[in-house]
Amino acid sequence: MNASGARLGAITKELWANWQQTRDSWNDAKSLEFEQKYVLELRASVDRAVTVIDQLDELVAKIRHDCE
């Protein structure tokens, strides 16, 4: 599960880098609105999801250890 969280984080970083490149050529009120409405919200959601995935990974590891 931890690999999934790491992959999700890496893909989101790549998306952010691509968005920054896009902002170089699209820098107006609509791009700012798009960033705030979609891109920043996505980053925040992914950050929360990765935290939960890490917590679930720890819980599963503990359960496996307790069952051995």
C-alpha atoms as a PDB file:
ATOM      1  CA  MET A   1       0.000   0.000   0.000  1.00  0.00           C
ATOM      2  CA  ASN A   2       2.873   2.362   0.796  1.00  0.00           C
ATOM      3  CA  ALA A   3       4.094   2.079  -2.789  1.00  0.00           C
ATOM      4  CA  SER A   4       0.697   3.319  -3.950  1.00  0.00           C
ATOM      5  CA  GLY A   5       0.955   6.375  -1.739  1.00  0.00           C
ATOM      6  CA  ALA A   6       4.458   7.102  -2.993  1.00  0.00           C
ATOM      7  CA  ARG A   7       3.331   6.704  -6.601  1.00  0.00           C
ATOM      8  CA  LEU A   8       0.354   8.992  -6.045  1.00  0.00           C
ATOM      9  CA  GLY A   9       2.637  11.594  -4.486  1.00  0.00           C
ATOM     10  CA  ALA A  10       5.128  11.359  -7.354  1.00  0.00           C
ATOM     11  CA  ILE A  11       2.432  11.699 -10.012  1.00  0.00           C
ATOM     12  CA  THR A  12       1.016  14.724  -8.216  1.00  0.00           C
ATOM     13  CA  LYS A  13       4.470  16.354  -8.092  1.00  0.00           C
ATOM     14  CA  GLU A  14       4.802  15.732 -11.831  1.00  0.00           C
ATOM     15  CA  LEU A  15       1.378  17.267 -12.426  1.00  0.00           C
ATOM     16  CA  TRP A  16       2.379  20.314 -10.372  1.00  0.00           C
ATOM     17  CA  ALA A  17       5.592  20.730 -12.389  1.00  0.00           C
ATOM     18  CA  ASN A  18       3.603  20.520 -15.624  1.00  0.00           C
ATOM     19  CA  TRP A  19       1.113  23.043 -14.278  1.00  0.00           C
ATOM     20  CA  GLN A  20       3.946  25.444 -13.455  1.00  0.00           C
ATOM     21  CA  GLN A  21       5.166  25.172 -17.054  1.00  0.00           C
ATOM     22  CA  THR A  22       1.636  25.821 -18.293  1.00  0.00           C
ATOM     23  CA  ARG A  23       1.400  28.916 -16.115  1.00  0.00           C
ATOM     24  CA  ASP A  24       4.431  30.325 -17.966  1.00  0.00           C
ATOM     25  CA  SER A  25       2.263  30.718 -21.065  1.00  0.00           C
ATOM     26  CA  TRP A  26      -1.220  30.907 -19.508  1.00  0.00           C
ATOM     27  CA  ASN A  27      -1.087  33.514 -16.794  1.00  0.00           C
ATOM     28  CA  ASP A  28      -4.340  35.384 -16.445  1.00  0.00           C
ATOM     29  CA  ALA A  29      -7.340  35.535 -14.133  1.00  0.00           C
ATOM     30  CA  LYS A  30      -8.797  32.299 -15.533  1.00  0.00           C
ATOM     31  CA  SER A  31      -5.565  30.387 -14.977  1.00  0.00           C
ATOM     32  CA  LEU A  32      -5.464  31.597 -11.389  1.00  0.00           C
ATOM     33  CA  GLU A  33      -9.102  30.591 -10.932  1.00  0.00           C
ATOM     34  CA  PHE A  34      -8.364  27.153 -12.434  1.00  0.00           C
ATOM     35  CA  GLU A  35      -5.351  26.717 -10.159  1.00  0.00           C
ATOM     36  CA  GLN A  36      -7.282  27.620  -7.026  1.00  0.00           C
ATOM     37  CA  LYS A  37     -10.394  25.659  -7.928  1.00  0.00           C
ATOM     38  CA  TYR A  38      -8.785  22.483  -9.263  1.00  0.00           C
ATOM     39  CA  VAL A  39      -5.019  22.208  -8.992  1.00  0.00           C
ATOM     40  CA  LEU A  40      -4.562  23.354  -5.398  1.00  0.00           C
ATOM     41  CA  GLU A  41      -7.599  21.399  -4.245  1.00  0.00           C
ATOM     42  CA  LEU A  42      -6.236  18.294  -5.951  1.00  0.00           C
ATOM     43  CA  ARG A  43      -2.855  18.731  -4.252  1.00  0.00           C
ATOM     44  CA  ALA A  44      -4.507  19.122  -0.856  1.00  0.00           C
ATOM     45  CA  SER A  45      -6.691  16.058  -1.442  1.00  0.00           C
ATOM     46  CA  VAL A  46      -3.722  13.971  -2.533  1.00  0.00           C
ATOM     47  CA  ASP A  47      -1.716  15.069   0.509  1.00  0.00           C
ATOM     48  CA  ARG A  48      -4.561  13.951   2.762  1.00  0.00           C
ATOM     49  CA  ALA A  49      -4.945  10.670   0.859  1.00  0.00           C
ATOM     50  CA  VAL A  50      -1.228   9.890   1.080  1.00  0.00           C
ATOM     51  CA  THR A  51      -1.338  10.488   4.834  1.00  0.00           C
ATOM     52  CA  VAL A  52      -4.272   8.089   5.179  1.00  0.00           C
ATOM     53  CA  ILE A  53      -2.573   5.501   2.951  1.00  0.00           C
ATOM     54  CA  ASP A  54       0.533   5.685   5.156  1.00  0.00           C
ATOM     55  CA  GLN A  55      -1.605   5.225   8.269  1.00  0.00           C
ATOM     56  CA  LEU A  56      -3.385   2.252   6.711  1.00  0.00           C
ATOM     57  CA  ASP A  57      -0.040   0.739   5.736  1.00  0.00           C
ATOM     58  CA  GLU A  58       1.140   0.992   9.348  1.00  0.00           C
ATOM     59  CA  LEU A  59      -2.103  -0.541  10.587  1.00  0.00           C
ATOM     60  CA  VAL A  60      -1.897  -3.461   8.155  1.00  0.00           C
ATOM     61  CA  ALA A  61       1.736  -4.071   9.156  1.00  0.00           C
ATOM     62  CA  LYS A  62       0.716  -4.114  12.830  1.00  0.00           C
ATOM     63  CA  ILE A  63      -2.149  -6.501  12.152  1.00  0.00           C
ATOM     64  CA  ARG A  64       0.155  -8.838  10.233  1.00  0.00           C
ATOM     65  CA  HIS A  65       2.679  -8.734  13.053  1.00  0.00           C
ATOM     66  CA  ASP A  66       0.007  -9.408  15.671  1.00  0.00           C
ATOM     67  CA  CYS A  67      -1.318 -12.389  13.676  1.00  0.00           C
ATOM     68  CA  GLU A  68       2.065 -14.083  13.388  1.00  0.00           C
END
